[in-house]
């Protein structure tokens, strides 16, 4: 395969001259190509075959023990002006970054194959999709990109038609943590990653393109690239409402994307459009329309089990690649939370010994096609996307933040998203109750200054007249004994129903200083054993402590200096005034 796109052809030639590979392979995305690469990695030991009777088409990859997660401190946004990257990003001047990376890439593919991977983020025929090309020396990256994107000949044809594409250059290098960088050049639509084979650092279509570069593209082009799930809720009458939701890690994002309604909701269905990334485009009808730019899941394995997320567990029985999980005696993949079995080999291939820590790495992963998911929505392939009725923000807060509240309007909703936060635990930070702000769950992923990102969000109020309503949820309130007050998981359907009813004007709400909360009888609590007094506590607004929270929010916002939109301070002052 070659290309008629002269810019792409010249770039591939330049990269080959720099990296000096033994051979160049243009990837076509075919099943035959995938099978060849899997066979090759089985021969080299880069993949291990799992039990093909219980898990046909499933394989295990063990990464270098020092290469198991994203490296945020080595991830840079390289813009001409430092203020354009903002205090939310690590910054490096483009000239310095290019010089540093050119030295690392020089000759790095000698004796290796250079794979040219054209891909499309989003349905191939959707005007909302955007394309990229990743050059890599990792066959593991190629097979994962085939699952995670629309990769191959069709994507190349679109690139040749559109002519615009994101350039991604990746090499595993020597896997030396001291020689590992992930550079983003938004003004050049370019990504360079060296020294890591881990998914978030190496699968450049995912966080690097679909969020960091795409968020910059979206601002230039008038749309939004967000770290959000997309889920469709269908009522017994067959009416579907689509919701986009943003949560920091460990807040139930994947569980919500694949939620199974409780038995008390007969006839209701939940459809998974996406679990991680959402691109929102203005429609001619005044609404925001969303696509999931990905074609697969790159999910965290530990904690995924029959009680927490049966849909996720069910989709992992075939055609999946597992990274850094453990294995059982009969060679099935295993991780903490999957079953009561005892593994025999841990994620590093050692005989399992609890003294060595968890059997599966805490950040062990699975890669699988979204079509494997039992709740998969065919609308994932809709060229127009799906219309979004509600945007939901959330965080893990043991106190203060109610189970659910609705923003007063779009501008207030942007403040809610800009100030969202989660509390950390002693195990993670050495201190409990430490609030970490993670605006729109985009702290590690926004490709430019948060202040201008919030201004971009605010600008949609002047462009669209049917914007989604904005909500905030908190499944994690605890009582004095440290017990969760809300059951969570499938029972979150009750909150989603209230949100849907608010969007369609079918239910009232009580106005508080921070937003609208459900009236006492507005949540469907049938067959749920919860006392009215407990529900009241879940929805109460502690005005005194909220006043303190507003002070902290203001401090957080003022970090962004002169570029901060005045509207956010006005919204903050408005809420503070209602609390006084």
Protein backbone atom coordinates (compact mmCIF):
# COMPACT_ATOMS: atom_id res chain seq x y z
CA UNK A 1 0.00 0.00 0.00
CA UNK A 2 1.16 3.53 -0.71
CA UNK A 3 -0.58 6.91 -0.87
CA UNK A 4 -1.47 9.69 -3.26
CA UNK A 5 -1.24 12.20 -0.39
CA UNK A 6 2.08 13.94 -1.00
CA UNK A 7 2.34 15.34 2.52
CA UNK A 8 1.87 11.87 4.04
CA UNK A 9 4.30 10.27 1.58
CA UNK A 10 6.97 12.89 2.28
CA UNK A 11 6.50 12.57 6.04
CA UNK A 12 6.87 8.77 5.94
CA UNK A 13 10.05 9.20 3.87
CA UNK A 14 11.44 11.73 6.35
CA UNK A 15 10.66 9.53 9.36
CA UNK A 16 12.26 6.51 7.69
CA UNK A 17 15.37 8.56 6.95
CA UNK A 18 15.55 9.58 10.64
CA UNK A 19 14.69 6.26 12.30
CA UNK A 20 16.35 3.92 9.72
CA UNK A 21 14.01 0.91 9.92
CA UNK A 22 14.83 -2.43 8.32
CA UNK A 23 11.55 -2.35 6.41
CA UNK A 24 8.37 -0.27 6.06
CA UNK A 25 4.88 -1.81 6.21
CA UNK A 26 1.73 0.15 5.34
CA UNK A 27 -1.06 -1.37 7.43
CA UNK A 28 -4.35 -2.21 5.69
CA UNK A 29 -6.36 -3.19 8.79
CA UNK A 30 -7.31 -6.61 7.40
CA UNK A 31 -7.97 -9.74 9.43
CA UNK A 32 -5.11 -11.47 7.60
CA UNK A 33 -2.72 -8.71 8.68
CA UNK A 34 -3.94 -8.94 12.28
CA UNK A 35 -3.48 -12.73 12.26
CA UNK A 36 0.07 -12.38 10.90
CA UNK A 37 1.04 -9.87 13.57
CA UNK A 38 -0.45 -12.01 16.36
CA UNK A 39 1.44 -15.07 15.06
CA UNK A 40 4.62 -13.02 14.90
CA UNK A 41 4.23 -11.82 18.51
CA UNK A 42 3.40 -15.31 19.74
CA UNK A 43 6.69 -16.45 18.19
CA UNK A 44 8.71 -13.64 19.80
CA UNK A 45 6.93 -13.94 23.15
CA UNK A 46 5.41 -10.45 22.99
CA UNK A 47 2.03 -12.19 23.22
CA UNK A 48 1.08 -15.32 25.12
CA UNK A 49 -1.84 -17.47 24.09
CA UNK A 50 -4.59 -17.79 26.71
CA UNK A 51 -7.02 -20.71 27.05
CA UNK A 52 -8.58 -20.88 23.59
CA UNK A 53 -11.44 -23.08 24.77
CA UNK A 54 -12.68 -20.57 27.34
CA UNK A 55 -11.29 -17.40 25.70
CA UNK A 56 -10.98 -17.89 21.92
CA UNK A 57 -8.93 -15.23 20.22
CA UNK A 58 -7.60 -13.89 23.54
CA UNK A 59 -3.96 -13.16 24.28
CA UNK A 60 -1.81 -11.79 27.11
CA UNK A 61 0.87 -9.12 26.84
CA UNK A 62 3.31 -8.42 29.67
CA UNK A 63 4.89 -5.02 29.50
CA UNK A 64 8.18 -3.94 31.01
CA UNK A 65 7.62 -3.59 34.80
CA UNK A 66 8.76 0.05 34.56
CA UNK A 67 6.30 0.80 31.75
CA UNK A 68 2.81 0.24 33.13
CA UNK A 69 0.96 3.58 33.08
CA UNK A 70 0.68 7.04 31.57
CA UNK A 71 3.60 9.30 32.49
CA UNK A 72 1.96 12.68 33.06
CA UNK A 73 5.16 14.31 34.33
CA UNK A 74 6.84 13.45 31.01
CA UNK A 75 3.90 14.54 28.87
CA UNK A 76 4.22 18.01 27.33
CA UNK A 77 2.15 20.47 25.34
CA UNK A 78 4.49 22.28 22.96
CA UNK A 79 2.99 25.61 21.87
CA UNK A 80 4.74 28.75 20.67
CA UNK A 81 3.59 30.67 23.76
CA UNK A 82 3.70 29.05 27.21
CA UNK A 83 0.46 30.74 28.27
CA UNK A 84 -1.35 28.92 25.45
CA UNK A 85 -0.57 25.61 27.19
CA UNK A 86 -1.68 27.05 30.53
CA UNK A 87 -0.87 26.11 34.13
CA UNK A 88 -2.81 22.86 33.64
CA UNK A 89 -0.08 21.46 31.35
CA UNK A 90 3.64 20.82 31.29
CA UNK A 91 5.06 23.06 28.56
CA UNK A 92 8.11 22.92 26.34
CA UNK A 93 9.02 25.21 23.45
CA UNK A 94 8.43 23.43 20.12
CA UNK A 95 12.01 23.96 18.92
CA UNK A 96 13.44 22.46 22.11
CA UNK A 97 11.00 19.54 22.02
CA UNK A 98 11.73 18.74 18.36
CA UNK A 99 15.46 18.85 18.99
CA UNK A 100 15.16 16.53 21.98
CA UNK A 101 12.92 14.06 20.15
CA UNK A 102 14.97 14.05 16.93
CA UNK A 103 17.98 12.89 18.94
CA UNK A 104 15.95 10.09 20.52
CA UNK A 105 14.42 8.95 17.23
CA UNK A 106 17.74 9.04 15.36
CA UNK A 107 18.35 5.44 14.22
CA UNK A 108 15.93 4.04 16.81
CA UNK A 109 14.26 1.60 14.37
CA UNK A 110 17.40 -0.11 13.09
CA UNK A 111 16.64 -3.81 12.76
CA UNK A 112 12.94 -3.15 13.32
CA UNK A 113 9.86 -2.82 11.13
CA UNK A 114 8.29 0.61 10.75
CA UNK A 115 4.51 0.31 10.58
CA UNK A 116 2.45 3.08 8.97
CA UNK A 117 -1.01 2.99 10.57
CA UNK A 118 -3.72 5.19 8.97
CA UNK A 119 -6.76 5.46 11.24
CA UNK A 120 -10.04 7.30 11.61
CA UNK A 121 -11.39 8.50 14.96
CA UNK A 122 -15.14 8.09 14.57
CA UNK A 123 -17.25 6.41 11.87
CA UNK A 124 -15.44 6.39 8.53
CA UNK A 125 -18.22 8.27 6.72
CA UNK A 126 -19.05 10.76 9.47
CA UNK A 127 -18.30 14.45 8.88
CA UNK A 128 -17.69 14.63 12.64
CA UNK A 129 -14.74 12.20 12.48
CA UNK A 130 -11.08 13.15 12.18
CA UNK A 131 -8.15 11.09 10.88
CA UNK A 132 -4.58 10.43 11.83
CA UNK A 133 -1.58 8.32 10.92
CA UNK A 134 0.58 6.68 13.55
CA UNK A 135 4.05 5.50 12.65
CA UNK A 136 5.29 2.93 15.15
CA UNK A 137 7.80 0.12 15.54
CA UNK A 138 5.50 -1.86 17.84
CA UNK A 139 3.28 -4.64 16.42
CA UNK A 140 1.46 -4.60 19.79
CA UNK A 141 0.45 -1.01 19.05
CA UNK A 142 -0.75 -1.98 15.57
CA UNK A 143 -3.11 -4.73 16.75
CA UNK A 144 -4.45 -2.54 19.55
CA UNK A 145 -5.03 0.37 17.18
CA UNK A 146 -6.99 -1.99 14.95
CA UNK A 147 -9.36 -2.65 17.86
CA UNK A 148 -9.47 0.93 19.15
CA UNK A 149 -9.92 2.83 15.86
CA UNK A 150 -11.20 2.40 12.31
CA UNK A 151 -7.77 1.52 10.99
CA UNK A 152 -6.43 0.65 7.55
CA UNK A 153 -7.32 1.10 3.88
CA UNK A 154 -10.66 2.87 4.40
CA UNK A 155 -9.04 5.40 6.73
CA UNK A 156 -6.26 6.03 4.21
CA UNK A 157 -8.84 6.68 1.50
CA UNK A 158 -10.51 9.26 3.73
CA UNK A 159 -7.16 10.91 4.47
CA UNK A 160 -6.51 11.16 0.75
CA UNK A 161 -9.93 12.74 0.31
CA UNK A 162 -9.80 15.14 3.30
CA UNK A 163 -6.03 15.81 3.15
CA UNK A 164 -5.94 16.81 6.84
CA UNK A 165 -4.55 14.31 9.35
CA UNK A 166 -2.79 14.19 12.71
CA UNK A 167 0.78 12.91 12.55
CA UNK A 168 1.82 10.54 15.33
CA UNK A 169 5.34 9.15 15.61
CA UNK A 170 6.02 6.46 18.19
CA UNK A 171 8.91 4.19 19.09
CA UNK A 172 9.31 1.95 22.09
CA UNK A 173 12.97 2.92 22.05
CA UNK A 174 14.89 1.15 24.80
CA UNK A 175 11.98 1.36 27.30
CA UNK A 176 14.31 3.43 29.49
CA UNK A 177 12.30 5.57 31.96
CA UNK A 178 15.05 8.21 31.71
CA UNK A 179 14.55 8.42 27.93
CA UNK A 180 10.75 8.61 27.78
CA UNK A 181 8.72 11.59 26.55
CA UNK A 182 5.28 12.20 25.06
CA UNK A 183 5.21 15.49 23.16
CA UNK A 184 2.15 17.17 21.66
CA UNK A 185 2.42 19.94 19.06
CA UNK A 186 -1.18 21.21 18.74
CA UNK A 187 -0.28 23.98 16.29
CA UNK A 188 1.27 21.34 14.00
CA UNK A 189 -1.34 18.60 14.64
CA UNK A 190 1.53 16.34 15.63
CA UNK A 191 2.36 13.87 18.42
CA UNK A 192 5.72 12.30 19.22
CA UNK A 193 6.10 9.51 21.78
CA UNK A 194 9.32 7.73 22.67
CA UNK A 195 10.39 5.11 25.18
CA UNK A 196 7.08 3.53 26.20
CA UNK A 197 4.94 0.66 24.94
CA UNK A 198 2.09 1.33 27.39
CA UNK A 199 -1.34 2.03 25.87
CA UNK A 200 -1.95 5.65 26.87
CA UNK A 201 1.61 6.58 25.85
CA UNK A 202 1.77 4.44 22.70
CA UNK A 203 -1.75 4.16 21.25
CA UNK A 204 -1.60 7.69 19.92
CA UNK A 205 -5.18 7.72 18.66
CA UNK A 206 -6.50 7.57 22.21
CA UNK A 207 -5.70 10.26 24.80
CA UNK A 208 -3.00 11.94 22.72
CA UNK A 209 -5.09 12.49 19.57
CA UNK A 210 -8.72 12.09 20.67
CA UNK A 211 -8.34 14.47 23.64
CA UNK A 212 -5.14 16.55 23.73
CA UNK A 213 -4.87 17.33 20.02
CA UNK A 214 -8.60 17.06 19.34
CA UNK A 215 -9.47 19.52 22.11
CA UNK A 216 -7.24 22.05 20.33
CA UNK A 217 -8.78 21.16 16.95
CA UNK A 218 -12.24 21.46 18.48
CA UNK A 219 -11.59 24.97 19.72
CA UNK A 220 -10.35 26.03 16.28
CA UNK A 221 -13.30 24.41 14.51
CA UNK A 222 -16.14 25.11 16.96
CA UNK A 223 -16.84 21.80 18.72
CA UNK A 224 -15.82 19.99 21.93
CA UNK A 225 -13.57 16.97 22.53
CA UNK A 226 -14.36 15.58 25.98
CA UNK A 227 -13.37 12.83 28.40
CA UNK A 228 -16.95 11.56 28.61
CA UNK A 229 -18.98 8.40 28.25
CA UNK A 230 -22.05 8.39 25.98
CA UNK A 231 -25.05 6.31 27.02
CA UNK A 232 -28.57 5.92 25.66
CA UNK A 233 -31.45 5.32 28.08
CA UNK A 234 -34.53 3.70 26.52
CA UNK A 235 -37.83 3.74 28.41
CA UNK A 236 -40.56 1.09 28.06
CA UNK A 237 -42.20 3.20 25.34
CA UNK A 238 -39.08 2.89 23.18
CA UNK A 239 -38.02 6.53 23.60
CA UNK A 240 -34.24 7.02 23.84
CA UNK A 241 -32.47 9.82 25.67
CA UNK A 242 -28.72 10.24 25.26
CA UNK A 243 -26.50 11.43 28.08
CA UNK A 244 -22.80 12.34 28.13
CA UNK A 245 -21.00 12.10 31.47
CA UNK A 246 -17.55 13.03 32.77
CA UNK A 247 -16.01 11.49 35.90
CA UNK A 248 -12.46 11.39 37.27
CA UNK A 249 -10.91 7.95 37.75
CA UNK A 250 -12.46 5.55 40.30
CA UNK A 251 -15.87 7.21 40.06
CA UNK A 252 -17.80 4.54 38.14
CA UNK A 253 -17.52 5.83 34.58
CA UNK A 254 -17.37 2.46 32.81
CA UNK A 255 -20.01 1.01 35.12
CA UNK A 256 -22.39 3.82 34.18
CA UNK A 257 -21.67 3.40 30.47
CA UNK A 258 -22.73 -0.27 30.71
CA UNK A 259 -25.34 0.06 33.45
CA UNK A 260 -27.95 -2.69 33.78
CA UNK A 261 -31.29 -1.35 35.05
CA UNK A 262 -32.51 -2.94 38.31
CA UNK A 263 -35.41 -5.41 38.37
CA UNK A 264 -37.69 -2.59 39.50
CA UNK A 265 -37.27 -1.02 36.03
CA UNK A 266 -38.92 -3.54 33.72
CA UNK A 267 -38.80 -2.58 30.06
CA UNK A 268 -35.94 -0.09 30.47
CA UNK A 269 -32.73 -0.59 28.46
CA UNK A 270 -29.32 1.03 28.51
CA UNK A 271 -27.29 1.34 25.30
CA UNK A 272 -23.52 1.88 25.35
CA UNK A 273 -22.33 4.34 22.70
CA UNK A 274 -18.95 4.97 24.35
CA UNK A 275 -17.21 4.63 27.70
CA UNK A 276 -14.39 7.17 27.58
CA UNK A 277 -14.30 9.87 24.89
CA UNK A 278 -17.02 12.03 23.37
CA UNK A 279 -16.83 14.55 20.54
CA UNK A 280 -19.69 17.06 20.67
CA UNK A 281 -20.65 19.01 17.55
CA UNK A 282 -23.30 21.73 17.12
CA UNK A 283 -26.23 20.56 15.01
CA UNK A 284 -28.43 22.58 12.68
CA UNK A 285 -31.29 21.91 15.11
CA UNK A 286 -29.62 23.85 17.94
CA UNK A 287 -28.55 20.71 19.83
CA UNK A 288 -25.17 19.14 20.52
CA UNK A 289 -24.60 15.85 18.69
CA UNK A 290 -22.03 13.36 19.93
CA UNK A 291 -19.89 10.62 18.46
CA UNK A 292 -17.59 8.20 20.21
CA UNK A 293 -14.34 8.56 18.23
CA UNK A 294 -13.15 5.15 19.41
CA UNK A 295 -14.12 1.70 18.15
CA UNK A 296 -13.08 -0.27 21.22
CA UNK A 297 -12.41 -0.25 24.94
CA UNK A 298 -9.01 0.04 26.61
CA UNK A 299 -10.33 -0.63 30.08
CA UNK A 300 -8.91 -1.22 33.55
CA UNK A 301 -9.31 -4.89 34.44
CA UNK A 302 -9.11 -4.94 38.28
CA UNK A 303 -12.52 -4.46 39.87
CA UNK A 304 -14.38 -5.64 36.76
CA UNK A 305 -16.57 -8.51 37.90
CA UNK A 306 -20.00 -10.06 37.84
CA UNK A 307 -21.27 -7.86 40.67
CA UNK A 308 -19.77 -4.56 39.48
CA UNK A 309 -20.02 -4.68 35.69
CA UNK A 310 -21.40 -7.94 34.22
CA UNK A 311 -21.60 -6.44 30.74
CA UNK A 312 -17.89 -5.63 30.75
CA UNK A 313 -17.02 -9.10 32.05
CA UNK A 314 -19.18 -10.78 29.39
CA UNK A 315 -17.45 -8.99 26.51
CA UNK A 316 -14.02 -10.29 27.53
CA UNK A 317 -14.58 -13.95 26.72
CA UNK A 318 -13.36 -13.69 23.12
CA UNK A 319 -11.14 -11.63 20.81
CA UNK A 320 -9.52 -9.53 23.53
CA UNK A 321 -5.94 -8.59 24.35
CA UNK A 322 -5.08 -8.43 28.03
CA UNK A 323 -2.10 -6.49 29.36
CA UNK A 324 -0.45 -7.21 32.73
CA UNK A 325 -3.18 -9.43 34.18
CA UNK A 326 -2.54 -12.69 36.04
CA UNK A 327 -3.40 -16.20 34.83
CA UNK A 328 -5.06 -19.20 36.46
CA UNK A 329 -3.89 -22.82 36.42
CA UNK A 330 -5.92 -23.48 33.26
CA UNK A 331 -4.47 -20.36 31.59
CA UNK A 332 -7.46 -18.04 31.87
CA UNK A 333 -6.95 -14.31 32.49
CA UNK A 334 -7.46 -13.23 36.10
CA UNK A 335 -7.47 -10.03 38.12
CA UNK A 336 -8.57 -8.89 41.53
CA UNK A 337 -12.37 -8.65 41.59
CA UNK A 338 -12.94 -11.14 38.76
CA UNK A 339 -13.55 -14.34 40.73
CA UNK A 340 -12.59 -16.24 43.88
CA UNK A 341 -10.07 -18.37 42.00
CA UNK A 342 -6.43 -18.24 42.97
CA UNK A 343 -4.07 -17.32 40.13
CA UNK A 344 -0.85 -19.27 39.57
CA UNK A 345 1.16 -16.61 37.71
CA UNK A 346 1.18 -12.89 38.44
CA UNK A 347 1.35 -10.05 35.92
CA UNK A 348 5.13 -10.38 35.63
CA UNK A 349 4.96 -14.14 34.98
CA UNK A 350 6.21 -15.05 38.44
CA UNK A 351 4.63 -17.76 40.58
CA UNK A 352 1.89 -15.94 42.43
CA UNK A 353 2.89 -14.88 45.94
CA UNK A 354 0.70 -12.38 47.83
CA UNK A 355 3.90 -10.99 49.36
CA UNK A 356 4.75 -9.60 45.91
CA UNK A 357 1.56 -7.52 45.81
CA UNK A 358 -1.54 -7.88 43.65
CA UNK A 359 -1.59 -10.69 41.11
CA UNK A 360 -2.72 -8.35 38.34
CA UNK A 361 -1.13 -4.94 38.07
CA UNK A 362 -3.58 -2.31 39.45
CA UNK A 363 -3.49 -0.63 36.03
CA UNK A 364 -3.74 -3.86 34.02
CA UNK A 365 -5.88 -3.50 30.93
CA UNK A 366 -8.06 -5.17 28.34
CA UNK A 367 -8.48 -4.13 24.71
CA UNK A 368 -11.64 -5.27 22.97
CA UNK A 369 -14.01 -4.13 20.22
CA UNK A 370 -17.02 -2.14 21.42
CA UNK A 371 -19.16 -4.55 19.38
CA UNK A 372 -18.34 -7.28 21.92
CA UNK A 373 -20.29 -5.38 24.59
CA UNK A 374 -23.78 -6.85 25.28
CA UNK A 375 -25.18 -3.31 25.60
CA UNK A 376 -23.48 -2.06 22.43
CA UNK A 377 -25.50 0.55 20.57
CA UNK A 378 -25.53 0.44 16.74
CA UNK A 379 -25.75 4.25 17.00
CA UNK A 380 -22.00 4.13 17.66
CA UNK A 381 -21.68 3.97 13.87
CA UNK A 382 -24.22 6.73 13.14
CA UNK A 383 -22.60 9.33 10.89
CA UNK A 384 -24.67 12.10 12.49
CA UNK A 385 -23.90 11.00 16.04
CA UNK A 386 -26.58 11.05 18.73
CA UNK A 387 -28.35 14.11 20.22
CA UNK A 388 -27.29 14.84 23.80
CA UNK A 389 -30.04 15.88 26.22
CA UNK A 390 -27.95 16.01 29.41
CA UNK A 391 -24.32 16.43 30.42
CA UNK A 392 -23.48 14.89 33.79
CA UNK A 393 -20.42 15.72 35.88
CA UNK A 394 -19.47 13.71 38.95
CA UNK A 395 -16.89 13.09 41.61
CA UNK A 396 -16.14 11.04 44.70
CA UNK A 397 -17.14 13.15 47.71
CA UNK A 398 -17.85 11.55 51.11
CA UNK A 399 -19.78 14.60 52.30
CA UNK A 400 -21.06 18.00 51.18
CA UNK A 401 -22.04 17.25 47.55
CA UNK A 402 -25.62 15.93 47.16
CA UNK A 403 -26.62 12.80 45.29
CA UNK A 404 -27.70 14.90 42.31
CA UNK A 405 -28.31 18.52 41.43
CA UNK A 406 -29.01 20.43 38.23
CA UNK A 407 -27.25 23.63 37.19
CA UNK A 408 -29.39 26.75 36.85
CA UNK A 409 -28.29 27.32 33.24
CA UNK A 410 -25.43 26.61 30.82
CA UNK A 411 -23.09 29.22 32.31
CA UNK A 412 -23.61 27.86 35.81
CA UNK A 413 -23.11 24.35 34.43
CA UNK A 414 -19.72 25.34 33.05
CA UNK A 415 -18.74 26.49 36.55
CA UNK A 416 -19.96 23.14 37.94
CA UNK A 417 -17.74 21.31 35.44
CA UNK A 418 -14.79 23.64 35.94
CA UNK A 419 -14.84 23.09 39.71
CA UNK A 420 -15.58 19.35 39.85
CA UNK A 421 -13.39 17.38 42.22
CA UNK A 422 -12.82 14.09 44.00
CA UNK A 423 -11.53 13.32 47.49
CA UNK A 424 -8.48 11.09 47.76
CA UNK A 425 -7.90 8.31 50.28
CA UNK A 426 -5.10 7.72 52.77
CA UNK A 427 -3.81 4.80 50.71
CA UNK A 428 -3.32 7.06 47.71
CA UNK A 429 -2.05 10.27 49.25
CA UNK A 430 -1.21 9.80 52.91
CA UNK A 431 -4.13 11.99 53.95
CA UNK A 432 -7.88 11.55 53.71
CA UNK A 433 -10.32 14.07 52.32
CA UNK A 434 -7.80 15.86 50.09
CA UNK A 435 -9.81 17.49 47.31
CA UNK A 436 -8.27 17.29 43.85
CA UNK A 437 -9.85 19.50 41.23
CA UNK A 438 -10.24 17.78 37.88
CA UNK A 439 -12.21 20.17 35.64
CA UNK A 440 -14.54 18.28 33.30
CA UNK A 441 -12.31 15.23 34.11
CA UNK A 442 -9.88 16.79 31.60
CA UNK A 443 -6.99 17.76 33.86
CA UNK A 444 -4.49 15.36 32.23
CA UNK A 445 -5.99 15.68 28.76
CA UNK A 446 -6.82 19.28 27.80
CA UNK A 447 -4.43 20.33 25.05
CA UNK A 448 -4.44 24.04 25.87
CA UNK A 449 -5.04 26.58 28.65
CA UNK A 450 -8.04 25.65 30.82
CA UNK A 451 -9.10 29.31 30.98
CA UNK A 452 -9.60 29.40 27.22
CA UNK A 453 -11.13 25.92 27.28
CA UNK A 454 -13.81 27.20 29.70
CA UNK A 455 -14.37 30.26 27.53
CA UNK A 456 -14.90 27.92 24.57
CA UNK A 457 -17.51 25.99 26.58
CA UNK A 458 -19.24 29.25 27.54
CA UNK A 459 -19.37 30.38 23.90
CA UNK A 460 -21.94 27.71 23.04
CA UNK A 461 -24.60 29.62 24.98
CA UNK A 462 -24.58 32.18 22.15
CA UNK A 463 -24.53 29.59 19.36
CA UNK A 464 -27.20 27.02 20.26
CA UNK A 465 -30.73 27.35 21.64
CA UNK A 466 -31.30 23.69 22.65
CA UNK A 467 -28.21 23.03 24.74
CA UNK A 468 -28.12 20.00 27.05
CA UNK A 469 -29.03 20.55 30.67
CA UNK A 470 -26.07 20.12 33.01
CA UNK A 471 -26.14 18.00 36.19
CA UNK A 472 -23.73 16.85 38.90
CA UNK A 473 -23.95 13.48 40.68
CA UNK A 474 -22.19 11.98 43.67
CA UNK A 475 -22.72 8.27 44.34
CA UNK A 476 -20.21 8.28 47.22
CA UNK A 477 -21.77 10.08 50.23
CA UNK A 478 -20.99 8.28 53.51
CA UNK A 479 -22.59 8.28 56.95
CA UNK A 480 -20.84 8.69 60.30
CA UNK A 481 -19.88 5.01 60.30
CA UNK A 482 -18.18 5.33 56.92
CA UNK A 483 -20.89 3.39 55.07
CA UNK A 484 -22.08 4.43 51.62
CA UNK A 485 -25.52 6.01 51.87
CA UNK A 486 -26.52 5.26 48.26
CA UNK A 487 -26.37 1.71 46.81
CA UNK A 488 -24.94 2.81 43.45
CA UNK A 489 -24.34 0.57 40.41
CA UNK A 490 -27.65 -0.37 38.74
CA UNK A 491 -29.64 1.68 41.24
CA UNK A 492 -28.12 4.80 39.70
CA UNK A 493 -30.83 4.27 37.08
CA UNK A 494 -33.18 6.03 39.50
CA UNK A 495 -31.11 9.21 39.32
CA UNK A 496 -30.80 8.93 35.54
CA UNK A 497 -34.59 8.68 35.27
CA UNK A 498 -34.95 11.94 37.25
CA UNK A 499 -32.39 13.59 34.96
CA UNK A 500 -34.30 12.42 31.88
CA UNK A 501 -37.57 13.67 33.35
CA UNK A 502 -36.01 17.05 34.04
CA UNK A 503 -34.83 17.27 30.44
CA UNK A 504 -38.35 16.54 29.16
CA UNK A 505 -40.06 18.82 31.68
CA UNK A 506 -41.91 15.95 33.36
CA UNK A 507 -40.86 16.62 36.95
CA UNK A 508 -40.35 19.57 39.25
CA UNK A 509 -37.36 20.30 41.46
CA UNK A 510 -36.53 22.30 44.54
CA UNK A 511 -34.32 25.35 44.06
CA UNK A 512 -31.33 25.59 46.39
CA UNK A 513 -28.35 27.93 46.50
CA UNK A 514 -26.21 25.56 44.37
CA UNK A 515 -28.83 24.33 41.88
CA UNK A 516 -32.02 22.29 41.57
CA UNK A 517 -32.40 19.06 43.57
CA UNK A 518 -35.15 16.44 43.40
CA UNK A 519 -38.22 16.99 45.51
CA UNK A 520 -38.74 14.34 48.18
CA UNK A 521 -41.07 12.21 46.04
CA UNK A 522 -39.40 12.81 42.66
CA UNK A 523 -36.99 9.85 42.76
CA UNK A 524 -38.45 6.42 42.04
CA UNK A 525 -37.53 4.40 45.15
CA UNK A 526 -39.77 1.37 44.51
CA UNK A 527 -38.28 -1.86 45.89
CA UNK A 528 -35.35 0.11 47.33
CA UNK A 529 -34.87 -0.11 51.07
CA UNK A 530 -33.94 3.47 51.91
CA UNK A 531 -35.41 5.57 54.69
CA UNK A 532 -36.89 9.01 53.87
CA UNK A 533 -34.54 10.61 56.40
CA UNK A 534 -31.54 9.07 54.63
CA UNK A 535 -32.72 10.33 51.26
CA UNK A 536 -33.16 13.78 52.77
CA UNK A 537 -29.54 13.69 53.95
CA UNK A 538 -28.39 12.60 50.49
CA UNK A 539 -30.03 15.68 49.00
CA UNK A 540 -29.38 18.28 51.70
CA UNK A 541 -27.29 21.42 51.13
CA UNK A 542 -25.01 22.40 54.03
CA UNK A 543 -24.86 26.14 53.39
CA UNK A 544 -22.01 26.86 55.80
CA UNK A 545 -19.68 24.23 54.36
CA UNK A 546 -20.73 25.09 50.80
CA UNK A 547 -19.59 28.66 51.48
CA UNK A 548 -16.16 27.27 52.36
CA UNK A 549 -16.23 25.13 49.20
CA UNK A 550 -16.98 28.22 47.11
CA UNK A 551 -13.90 29.94 48.56
CA UNK A 552 -11.79 26.95 47.51
CA UNK A 553 -13.35 27.01 44.03
CA UNK A 554 -12.48 30.68 43.66
CA UNK A 555 -8.85 29.99 44.62
CA UNK A 556 -8.80 27.20 42.02
CA UNK A 557 -10.17 29.46 39.29
CA UNK A 558 -7.89 32.40 40.06
CA UNK A 559 -4.84 30.23 39.34
CA UNK A 560 -5.61 30.83 35.68
CA UNK A 561 -5.01 34.57 35.88
CA UNK A 562 -6.00 37.18 33.32
CA UNK A 563 -7.31 34.69 30.76
CA UNK A 564 -9.97 33.36 33.14
CA UNK A 565 -13.48 34.16 31.82
CA UNK A 566 -15.13 36.80 34.02
CA UNK A 567 -18.37 34.84 33.68
CA UNK A 568 -17.05 32.09 35.93
CA UNK A 569 -16.21 34.50 38.74
CA UNK A 570 -19.64 36.11 38.30
CA UNK A 571 -21.26 32.69 38.59
CA UNK A 572 -19.17 31.87 41.64
CA UNK A 573 -20.10 35.20 43.27
CA UNK A 574 -23.77 34.58 42.47
CA UNK A 575 -23.74 31.19 44.24
CA UNK A 576 -21.76 32.61 47.17
CA UNK A 577 -24.34 35.38 47.54
CA UNK A 578 -27.16 32.82 47.73
CA UNK A 579 -25.30 30.97 50.47
CA UNK A 580 -24.71 34.04 52.65
